[in-house]
């Protein structure tokens, strides 16, 4: 029987303590394995067959220029979307 143990997605920035992050993720996977064993599966951990680490470039949104809104939102009066050609959208 194959068992899959996952941890949640984490955002890693320059200031992130990677050692602590690794410890937290490892603890989560070990906890999931222990729960699985306790549910009467008669399954015992022998080895890691596969370990996937997925990465992606994190580009947070910045409020520095005009972004066109979807037509449905643009027609409401709830959002003011000032169109500008410079990087002073908060000023306008």
PDB file of N, CA and C in Angstrom:
ATOM      1  N   UNK A   1       0.846  -1.188   0.000  1.00  0.00           N
ATOM      2  CA  UNK A   1       0.000   0.000   0.000  1.00  0.00           C
ATOM      3  C   UNK A   1       0.883   1.240   0.000  1.00  0.00           C
ATOM      4  N   UNK A   2       0.583   2.169  -0.857  1.00  0.00           N
ATOM      5  CA  UNK A   2       1.307   3.431  -0.889  1.00  0.00           C
ATOM      6  C   UNK A   2       0.586   4.442  -0.005  1.00  0.00           C
ATOM      7  N   UNK A   3       1.351   5.166   0.766  1.00  0.00           N
ATOM      8  CA  UNK A   3       0.794   6.222   1.613  1.00  0.00           C
ATOM      9  C   UNK A   3       1.450   7.540   1.215  1.00  0.00           C
ATOM     10  N   UNK A   4       0.666   8.586   1.208  1.00  0.00           N
ATOM     11  CA  UNK A   4       1.168   9.895   0.816  1.00  0.00           C
ATOM     12  C   UNK A   4       1.038  10.845   1.996  1.00  0.00           C
ATOM     13  N   UNK A   5       2.108  11.539   2.318  1.00  0.00           N
ATOM     14  CA  UNK A   5       2.118  12.485   3.427  1.00  0.00           C
ATOM     15  C   UNK A   5       2.547  13.837   2.887  1.00  0.00           C
ATOM     16  N   UNK A   6       1.751  14.832   3.156  1.00  0.00           N
ATOM     17  CA  UNK A   6       1.975  16.155   2.595  1.00  0.00           C
ATOM     18  C   UNK A   6       2.145  17.184   3.701  1.00  0.00           C
ATOM     19  N   UNK A   7       2.807  18.265   3.352  1.00  0.00           N
ATOM     20  CA  UNK A   7       2.840  19.427   4.229  1.00  0.00           C
ATOM     21  C   UNK A   7       2.244  20.586   3.446  1.00  0.00           C
ATOM     22  N   UNK A   8       1.896  21.645   4.131  1.00  0.00           N
ATOM     23  CA  UNK A   8       1.262  22.764   3.438  1.00  0.00           C
ATOM     24  C   UNK A   8       2.291  23.609   2.692  1.00  0.00           C
ATOM     25  N   UNK A   9       1.826  24.372   1.751  1.00  0.00           N
ATOM     26  CA  UNK A   9       2.688  25.256   0.979  1.00  0.00           C
ATOM     27  C   UNK A   9       3.190  26.388   1.866  1.00  0.00           C
ATOM     28  N   UNK A  10       4.450  26.678   1.756  1.00  0.00           N
ATOM     29  CA  UNK A  10       5.071  27.739   2.544  1.00  0.00           C
ATOM     30  C   UNK A  10       5.680  28.774   1.611  1.00  0.00           C
ATOM     31  N   UNK A  11       5.651  30.024   2.035  1.00  0.00           N
ATOM     32  CA  UNK A  11       6.304  31.095   1.293  1.00  0.00           C
ATOM     33  C   UNK A  11       7.652  31.345   1.953  1.00  0.00           C
ATOM     34  N   UNK A  12       8.716  31.263   1.168  1.00  0.00           N
ATOM     35  CA  UNK A  12      10.064  31.461   1.688  1.00  0.00           C
ATOM     36  C   UNK A  12      10.594  32.775   1.138  1.00  0.00           C
ATOM     37  N   UNK A  13      10.884  33.689   2.030  1.00  0.00           N
ATOM     38  CA  UNK A  13      11.453  34.985   1.666  1.00  0.00           C
ATOM     39  C   UNK A  13      12.909  35.033   2.117  1.00  0.00           C
ATOM     40  N   UNK A  14      13.621  36.105   1.783  1.00  0.00           N
ATOM     41  CA  UNK A  14      15.020  36.236   2.186  1.00  0.00           C
ATOM     42  C   UNK A  14      15.182  36.160   3.709  1.00  0.00           C
ATOM     43  N   UNK A  15      14.214  36.696   4.438  1.00  0.00           N
ATOM     44  CA  UNK A  15      14.307  36.742   5.896  1.00  0.00           C
ATOM     45  C   UNK A  15      13.795  35.469   6.572  1.00  0.00           C
ATOM     46  N   UNK A  16      13.335  34.482   5.819  1.00  0.00           N
ATOM     47  CA  UNK A  16      12.786  33.257   6.381  1.00  0.00           C
ATOM     48  C   UNK A  16      13.893  32.394   6.973  1.00  0.00           C
ATOM     49  N   UNK A  17      13.654  31.871   8.173  1.00  0.00           N
ATOM     50  CA  UNK A  17      14.576  30.931   8.809  1.00  0.00           C
ATOM     51  C   UNK A  17      14.320  29.562   8.188  1.00  0.00           C
ATOM     52  N   UNK A  18      15.137  29.184   7.216  1.00  0.00           N
ATOM     53  CA  UNK A  18      14.926  27.950   6.461  1.00  0.00           C
ATOM     54  C   UNK A  18      15.075  26.733   7.359  1.00  0.00           C
ATOM     55  N   UNK A  19      15.981  26.778   8.322  1.00  0.00           N
ATOM     56  CA  UNK A  19      16.154  25.660   9.240  1.00  0.00           C
ATOM     57  C   UNK A  19      14.897  25.394  10.046  1.00  0.00           C
ATOM     58  N   UNK A  20      14.276  26.456  10.553  1.00  0.00           N
ATOM     59  CA  UNK A  20      13.030  26.316  11.313  1.00  0.00           C
ATOM     60  C   UNK A  20      11.893  25.852  10.407  1.00  0.00           C
ATOM     61  N   UNK A  21      11.853  26.366   9.194  1.00  0.00           N
ATOM     62  CA  UNK A  21      10.837  25.960   8.225  1.00  0.00           C
ATOM     63  C   UNK A  21      10.957  24.466   7.928  1.00  0.00           C
ATOM     64  N   UNK A  22      12.176  23.992   7.688  1.00  0.00           N
ATOM     65  CA  UNK A  22      12.409  22.576   7.429  1.00  0.00           C
ATOM     66  C   UNK A  22      11.958  21.726   8.618  1.00  0.00           C
ATOM     67  N   UNK A  23      12.268  22.176   9.826  1.00  0.00           N
ATOM     68  CA  UNK A  23      11.870  21.441  11.029  1.00  0.00           C
ATOM     69  C   UNK A  23      10.353  21.352  11.139  1.00  0.00           C
ATOM     70  N   UNK A  24       9.664  22.458  10.880  1.00  0.00           N
ATOM     71  CA  UNK A  24       8.192  22.482  10.947  1.00  0.00           C
ATOM     72  C   UNK A  24       7.569  21.530   9.928  1.00  0.00           C
ATOM     73  N   UNK A  25       8.085  21.541   8.704  1.00  0.00           N
ATOM     74  CA  UNK A  25       7.556  20.678   7.643  1.00  0.00           C
ATOM     75  C   UNK A  25       7.837  19.216   7.975  1.00  0.00           C
ATOM     76  N   UNK A  26       9.038  18.923   8.453  1.00  0.00           N
ATOM     77  CA  UNK A  26       9.389  17.550   8.837  1.00  0.00           C
ATOM     78  C   UNK A  26       8.486  17.047   9.955  1.00  0.00           C
ATOM     79  N   UNK A  27       8.252  17.911  10.953  1.00  0.00           N
ATOM     80  CA  UNK A  27       7.371  17.536  12.069  1.00  0.00           C
ATOM     81  C   UNK A  27       5.966  17.215  11.578  1.00  0.00           C
ATOM     82  N   UNK A  28       5.461  17.999  10.627  1.00  0.00           N
ATOM     83  CA  UNK A  28       4.119  17.791  10.092  1.00  0.00           C
ATOM     84  C   UNK A  28       4.020  16.436   9.390  1.00  0.00           C
ATOM     85  N   UNK A  29       5.028  16.091   8.591  1.00  0.00           N
ATOM     86  CA  UNK A  29       5.021  14.817   7.875  1.00  0.00           C
ATOM     87  C   UNK A  29       5.129  13.662   8.870  1.00  0.00           C
ATOM     88  N   UNK A  30       5.999  13.788   9.871  1.00  0.00           N
ATOM     89  CA  UNK A  30       6.148  12.734  10.883  1.00  0.00           C
ATOM     90  C   UNK A  30       4.853  12.543  11.675  1.00  0.00           C
ATOM     91  N   UNK A  31       4.173  13.643  11.975  1.00  0.00           N
ATOM     92  CA  UNK A  31       2.884  13.572  12.684  1.00  0.00           C
ATOM     93  C   UNK A  31       1.843  12.842  11.827  1.00  0.00           C
ATOM     94  N   UNK A  32       1.818  13.142  10.538  1.00  0.00           N
ATOM     95  CA  UNK A  32       0.879  12.473   9.632  1.00  0.00           C
ATOM     96  C   UNK A  32       1.167  10.979   9.557  1.00  0.00           C
ATOM     97  N   UNK A  33       2.427  10.614   9.539  1.00  0.00           N
ATOM     98  CA  UNK A  33       2.796   9.192   9.504  1.00  0.00           C
ATOM     99  C   UNK A  33       2.356   8.498  10.790  1.00  0.00           C
ATOM    100  N   UNK A  34       2.563   9.133  11.932  1.00  0.00           N
ATOM    101  CA  UNK A  34       2.177   8.537  13.207  1.00  0.00           C
ATOM    102  C   UNK A  34       0.664   8.342  13.273  1.00  0.00           C
ATOM    103  N   UNK A  35      -0.104   9.322  12.810  1.00  0.00           N
ATOM    104  CA  UNK A  35      -1.567   9.194  12.790  1.00  0.00           C
ATOM    105  C   UNK A  35      -2.001   8.020  11.920  1.00  0.00           C
ATOM    106  N   UNK A  36      -1.355   7.892  10.770  1.00  0.00           N
ATOM    107  CA  UNK A  36      -1.689   6.807   9.847  1.00  0.00           C
ATOM    108  C   UNK A  36      -1.426   5.449  10.499  1.00  0.00           C
ATOM    109  N   UNK A  37      -0.302   5.310  11.189  1.00  0.00           N
ATOM    110  CA  UNK A  37       0.041   4.058  11.859  1.00  0.00           C
ATOM    111  C   UNK A  37      -0.936   3.752  12.998  1.00  0.00           C
ATOM    112  N   UNK A  38      -1.395   4.784  13.698  1.00  0.00           N
ATOM    113  CA  UNK A  38      -2.287   4.611  14.847  1.00  0.00           C
ATOM    114  C   UNK A  38      -3.716   4.233  14.432  1.00  0.00           C
ATOM    115  N   UNK A  39      -4.067   4.406  13.174  1.00  0.00           N
ATOM    116  CA  UNK A  39      -5.423   4.111  12.713  1.00  0.00           C
ATOM    117  C   UNK A  39      -5.613   2.632  12.397  1.00  0.00           C
ATOM    118  N   UNK A  40      -4.702   1.794  12.856  1.00  0.00           N
ATOM    119  CA  UNK A  40      -4.857   0.365  12.656  1.00  0.00           C
ATOM    120  C   UNK A  40      -4.486  -0.102  11.269  1.00  0.00           C
ATOM    121  N   UNK A  41      -3.612   0.604  10.602  1.00  0.00           N
ATOM    122  CA  UNK A  41      -3.246   0.227   9.238  1.00  0.00           C
ATOM    123  C   UNK A  41      -2.263  -0.942   9.214  1.00  0.00           C
ATOM    124  N   UNK A  42      -1.641  -1.258  10.364  1.00  0.00           N
ATOM    125  CA  UNK A  42      -0.561  -2.252  10.438  1.00  0.00           C
ATOM    126  C   UNK A  42       0.583  -1.897   9.485  1.00  0.00           C
ATOM    127  N   UNK A  43       0.678  -0.650   9.161  1.00  0.00           N
ATOM    128  CA  UNK A  43       1.693  -0.133   8.256  1.00  0.00           C
ATOM    129  C   UNK A  43       2.836   0.408   9.097  1.00  0.00           C
ATOM    130  N   UNK A  44       4.053   0.119   8.732  1.00  0.00           N
ATOM    131  CA  UNK A  44       5.223   0.628   9.436  1.00  0.00           C
ATOM    132  C   UNK A  44       6.139   1.309   8.436  1.00  0.00           C
ATOM    133  N   UNK A  45       6.670   2.428   8.837  1.00  0.00           N
ATOM    134  CA  UNK A  45       7.558   3.194   7.961  1.00  0.00           C
ATOM    135  C   UNK A  45       8.876   2.448   7.784  1.00  0.00           C
ATOM    136  N   UNK A  46       9.275   2.270   6.533  1.00  0.00           N
ATOM    137  CA  UNK A  46      10.528   1.597   6.245  1.00  0.00           C
ATOM    138  C   UNK A  46      11.525   2.550   5.586  1.00  0.00           C
ATOM    139  N   UNK A  47      11.062   3.276   4.575  1.00  0.00           N
ATOM    140  CA  UNK A  47      11.965   4.197   3.885  1.00  0.00           C
ATOM    141  C   UNK A  47      11.169   5.222   3.077  1.00  0.00           C
ATOM    142  N   UNK A  48      11.835   6.276   2.693  1.00  0.00           N
ATOM    143  CA  UNK A  48      11.253   7.273   1.793  1.00  0.00           C
ATOM    144  C   UNK A  48      11.560   6.819   0.375  1.00  0.00           C
ATOM    145  N   UNK A  49      10.523   6.612  -0.410  1.00  0.00           N
ATOM    146  CA  UNK A  49      10.696   6.169  -1.789  1.00  0.00           C
ATOM    147  C   UNK A  49      10.842   7.370  -2.717  1.00  0.00           C
ATOM    148  N   UNK A  50      10.086   8.411  -2.421  1.00  0.00           N
ATOM    149  CA  UNK A  50      10.095   9.580  -3.295  1.00  0.00           C
ATOM    150  C   UNK A  50       9.823  10.821  -2.452  1.00  0.00           C
ATOM    151  N   UNK A  51      10.544  11.887  -2.731  1.00  0.00           N
ATOM    152  CA  UNK A  51      10.339  13.158  -2.051  1.00  0.00           C
ATOM    153  C   UNK A  51      10.285  14.242  -3.108  1.00  0.00           C
ATOM    154  N   UNK A  52       9.160  14.930  -3.203  1.00  0.00           N
ATOM    155  CA  UNK A  52       9.000  16.028  -4.156  1.00  0.00           C
ATOM    156  C   UNK A  52       9.002  17.344  -3.409  1.00  0.00           C
ATOM    157  N   UNK A  53       9.798  18.274  -3.898  1.00  0.00           N
ATOM    158  CA  UNK A  53       9.787  19.642  -3.390  1.00  0.00           C
ATOM    159  C   UNK A  53       9.483  20.523  -4.586  1.00  0.00           C
ATOM    160  N   UNK A  54       8.347  21.204  -4.537  1.00  0.00           N
ATOM    161  CA  UNK A  54       7.933  22.067  -5.642  1.00  0.00           C
ATOM    162  C   UNK A  54       8.236  23.512  -5.298  1.00  0.00           C
ATOM    163  N   UNK A  55       8.770  24.238  -6.253  1.00  0.00           N
ATOM    164  CA  UNK A  55       9.073  25.648  -6.049  1.00  0.00           C
ATOM    165  C   UNK A  55       8.442  26.480  -7.156  1.00  0.00           C
ATOM    166  N   UNK A  56       8.214  27.731  -6.843  1.00  0.00           N
ATOM    167  CA  UNK A  56       7.697  28.684  -7.829  1.00  0.00           C
ATOM    168  C   UNK A  56       8.197  30.062  -7.432  1.00  0.00           C
ATOM    169  N   UNK A  57       8.357  30.922  -8.406  1.00  0.00           N
ATOM    170  CA  UNK A  57       8.771  32.285  -8.125  1.00  0.00           C
ATOM    171  C   UNK A  57       7.593  33.021  -7.512  1.00  0.00           C
ATOM    172  N   UNK A  58       7.825  33.673  -6.405  1.00  0.00           N
ATOM    173  CA  UNK A  58       6.786  34.418  -5.696  1.00  0.00           C
ATOM    174  C   UNK A  58       6.898  35.889  -6.071  1.00  0.00           C
ATOM    175  N   UNK A  59       5.879  36.383  -6.751  1.00  0.00           N
ATOM    176  CA  UNK A  59       5.859  37.791  -7.144  1.00  0.00           C
ATOM    177  C   UNK A  59       4.597  38.430  -6.572  1.00  0.00           C
ATOM    178  N   UNK A  60       4.704  39.021  -5.377  1.00  0.00           N
ATOM    179  CA  UNK A  60       3.514  39.635  -4.797  1.00  0.00           C
ATOM    180  C   UNK A  60       3.051  40.835  -5.630  1.00  0.00           C
ATOM    181  N   UNK A  61       1.758  41.079  -5.591  1.00  0.00           N
ATOM    182  CA  UNK A  61       1.217  42.228  -6.310  1.00  0.00           C
ATOM    183  C   UNK A  61       1.731  43.511  -5.683  1.00  0.00           C
ATOM    184  N   UNK A  62       1.994  44.475  -6.510  1.00  0.00           N
ATOM    185  CA  UNK A  62       2.456  45.776  -6.030  1.00  0.00           C
ATOM    186  C   UNK A  62       1.464  46.831  -6.484  1.00  0.00           C
ATOM    187  N   UNK A  63       1.220  47.786  -5.650  1.00  0.00           N
ATOM    188  CA  UNK A  63       0.309  48.867  -6.010  1.00  0.00           C
ATOM    189  C   UNK A  63       1.064  50.029  -6.600  1.00  0.00           C
ATOM    190  N   UNK A  64       1.602  49.857  -7.798  1.00  0.00           N
ATOM    191  CA  UNK A  64       2.384  50.952  -8.357  1.00  0.00           C
ATOM    192  C   UNK A  64       1.983  51.336  -9.775  1.00  0.00           C
ATOM    193  N   UNK A  65       0.933  50.753 -10.326  1.00  0.00           N
ATOM    194  CA  UNK A  65       0.505  51.152 -11.656  1.00  0.00           C
ATOM    195  C   UNK A  65      -0.941  50.722 -11.888  1.00  0.00           C
ATOM    196  N   UNK A  66      -1.494  51.138 -12.981  1.00  0.00           N
ATOM    197  CA  UNK A  66      -2.888  50.839 -13.330  1.00  0.00           C
ATOM    198  C   UNK A  66      -3.039  49.383 -13.745  1.00  0.00           C
ATOM    199  N   UNK A  67      -4.034  48.715 -13.192  1.00  0.00           N
ATOM    200  CA  UNK A  67      -4.362  47.344 -13.572  1.00  0.00           C
ATOM    201  C   UNK A  67      -5.815  47.340 -14.014  1.00  0.00           C
ATOM    202  N   UNK A  68      -6.104  46.965 -15.265  1.00  0.00           N
ATOM    203  CA  UNK A  68      -7.501  46.944 -15.712  1.00  0.00           C
ATOM    204  C   UNK A  68      -8.320  45.927 -14.911  1.00  0.00           C
ATOM    205  N   UNK A  69      -9.513  46.322 -14.522  1.00  0.00           N
ATOM    206  CA  UNK A  69     -10.402  45.447 -13.773  1.00  0.00           C
ATOM    207  C   UNK A  69     -11.260  44.617 -14.726  1.00  0.00           C
ATOM    208  N   UNK A  70     -11.728  43.466 -14.267  1.00  0.00           N
ATOM    209  CA  UNK A  70     -12.703  42.726 -15.076  1.00  0.00           C
ATOM    210  C   UNK A  70     -13.922  43.604 -15.333  1.00  0.00           C
ATOM    211  N   UNK A  71     -14.560  43.465 -16.477  1.00  0.00           N
ATOM    212  CA  UNK A  71     -15.667  44.342 -16.880  1.00  0.00           C
ATOM    213  C   UNK A  71     -16.787  44.380 -15.851  1.00  0.00           C
ATOM    214  N   UNK A  72     -17.062  43.248 -15.226  1.00  0.00           N
ATOM    215  CA  UNK A  72     -18.136  43.199 -14.235  1.00  0.00           C
ATOM    216  C   UNK A  72     -17.837  44.119 -13.047  1.00  0.00           C
ATOM    217  N   UNK A  73     -16.582  44.147 -12.589  1.00  0.00           N
ATOM    218  CA  UNK A  73     -16.205  45.023 -11.477  1.00  0.00           C
ATOM    219  C   UNK A  73     -16.086  46.476 -11.914  1.00  0.00           C
ATOM    220  N   UNK A  74     -15.625  46.699 -13.129  1.00  0.00           N
ATOM    221  CA  UNK A  74     -15.416  48.055 -13.617  1.00  0.00           C
ATOM    222  C   UNK A  74     -16.732  48.822 -13.729  1.00  0.00           C
ATOM    223  N   UNK A  75     -17.856  48.122 -13.929  1.00  0.00           N
ATOM    224  CA  UNK A  75     -19.153  48.787 -14.085  1.00  0.00           C
ATOM    225  C   UNK A  75     -19.777  49.193 -12.752  1.00  0.00           C
ATOM    226  N   UNK A  76     -19.289  48.647 -11.646  1.00  0.00           N
ATOM    227  CA  UNK A  76     -19.859  49.011 -10.346  1.00  0.00           C
ATOM    228  C   UNK A  76     -19.245  50.311  -9.861  1.00  0.00           C
ATOM    229  N   UNK A  77     -19.874  50.932  -8.910  1.00  0.00           N
ATOM    230  CA  UNK A  77     -19.337  52.157  -8.332  1.00  0.00           C
ATOM    231  C   UNK A  77     -18.632  51.882  -7.008  1.00  0.00           C
ATOM    232  N   UNK A  78     -18.401  50.609  -6.712  1.00  0.00           N
ATOM    233  CA  UNK A  78     -17.783  50.231  -5.450  1.00  0.00           C
ATOM    234  C   UNK A  78     -16.262  50.357  -5.478  1.00  0.00           C
ATOM    235  N   UNK A  79     -15.678  50.365  -6.668  1.00  0.00           N
ATOM    236  CA  UNK A  79     -14.223  50.411  -6.790  1.00  0.00           C
ATOM    237  C   UNK A  79     -13.833  51.591  -7.664  1.00  0.00           C
ATOM    238  N   UNK A  80     -12.894  52.374  -7.180  1.00  0.00           N
ATOM    239  CA  UNK A  80     -12.338  53.458  -7.989  1.00  0.00           C
ATOM    240  C   UNK A  80     -11.008  52.958  -8.520  1.00  0.00           C
ATOM    241  N   UNK A  81     -10.899  52.883  -9.820  1.00  0.00           N
ATOM    242  CA  UNK A  81      -9.689  52.387 -10.454  1.00  0.00           C
ATOM    243  C   UNK A  81      -9.125  53.496 -11.318  1.00  0.00           C
ATOM    244  N   UNK A  82      -8.313  54.348 -10.715  1.00  0.00           N
ATOM    245  CA  UNK A  82      -7.759  55.510 -11.398  1.00  0.00           C
ATOM    246  C   UNK A  82      -6.745  55.079 -12.447  1.00  0.00           C
ATOM    247  N   UNK A  83      -6.999  55.453 -13.694  1.00  0.00           N
ATOM    248  CA  UNK A  83      -6.067  55.088 -14.757  1.00  0.00           C
ATOM    249  C   UNK A  83      -4.974  56.132 -14.824  1.00  0.00           C
ATOM    250  N   UNK A  84      -3.737  55.662 -14.761  1.00  0.00           N
ATOM    251  CA  UNK A  84      -2.601  56.567 -14.821  1.00  0.00           C
ATOM    252  C   UNK A  84      -1.460  55.903 -15.597  1.00  0.00           C
ATOM    253  N   UNK A  85      -0.525  56.695 -16.029  1.00  0.00           N
ATOM    254  CA  UNK A  85       0.604  56.169 -16.810  1.00  0.00           C
ATOM    255  C   UNK A  85       1.902  56.216 -16.005  1.00  0.00           C
ATOM    256  N   UNK A  86       1.848  56.693 -14.772  1.00  0.00           N
ATOM    257  CA  UNK A  86       3.052  56.761 -13.949  1.00  0.00           C
ATOM    258  C   UNK A  86       2.923  55.767 -12.785  1.00  0.00           C
ATOM    259  N   UNK A  87       3.847  55.822 -11.854  1.00  0.00           N
ATOM    260  CA  UNK A  87       3.833  54.899 -10.716  1.00  0.00           C
ATOM    261  C   UNK A  87       3.336  55.592  -9.451  1.00  0.00           C
ATOM    262  N   UNK A  88       2.447  56.568  -9.607  1.00  0.00           N
ATOM    263  CA  UNK A  88       1.938  57.325  -8.472  1.00  0.00           C
ATOM    264  C   UNK A  88       0.447  57.069  -8.264  1.00  0.00           C
ATOM    265  N   UNK A  89       0.006  55.815  -8.405  1.00  0.00           N
ATOM    266  CA  UNK A  89      -1.424  55.530  -8.328  1.00  0.00           C
ATOM    267  C   UNK A  89      -1.999  55.841  -6.949  1.00  0.00           C
ATOM    268  N   UNK A  90      -1.208  55.638  -5.890  1.00  0.00           N
ATOM    269  CA  UNK A  90      -1.724  55.948  -4.549  1.00  0.00           C
ATOM    270  C   UNK A  90      -1.880  57.453  -4.364  1.00  0.00           C
ATOM    271  N   UNK A  91      -1.025  58.215  -4.995  1.00  0.00           N
ATOM    272  CA  UNK A  91      -1.125  59.670  -4.929  1.00  0.00           C
ATOM    273  C   UNK A  91      -2.415  60.157  -5.601  1.00  0.00           C
ATOM    274  N   UNK A  92      -2.727  59.581  -6.764  1.00  0.00           N
ATOM    275  CA  UNK A  92      -3.924  60.004  -7.510  1.00  0.00           C
ATOM    276  C   UNK A  92      -5.154  59.480  -6.844  1.00  0.00           C
TER     277      UNK A  92
END
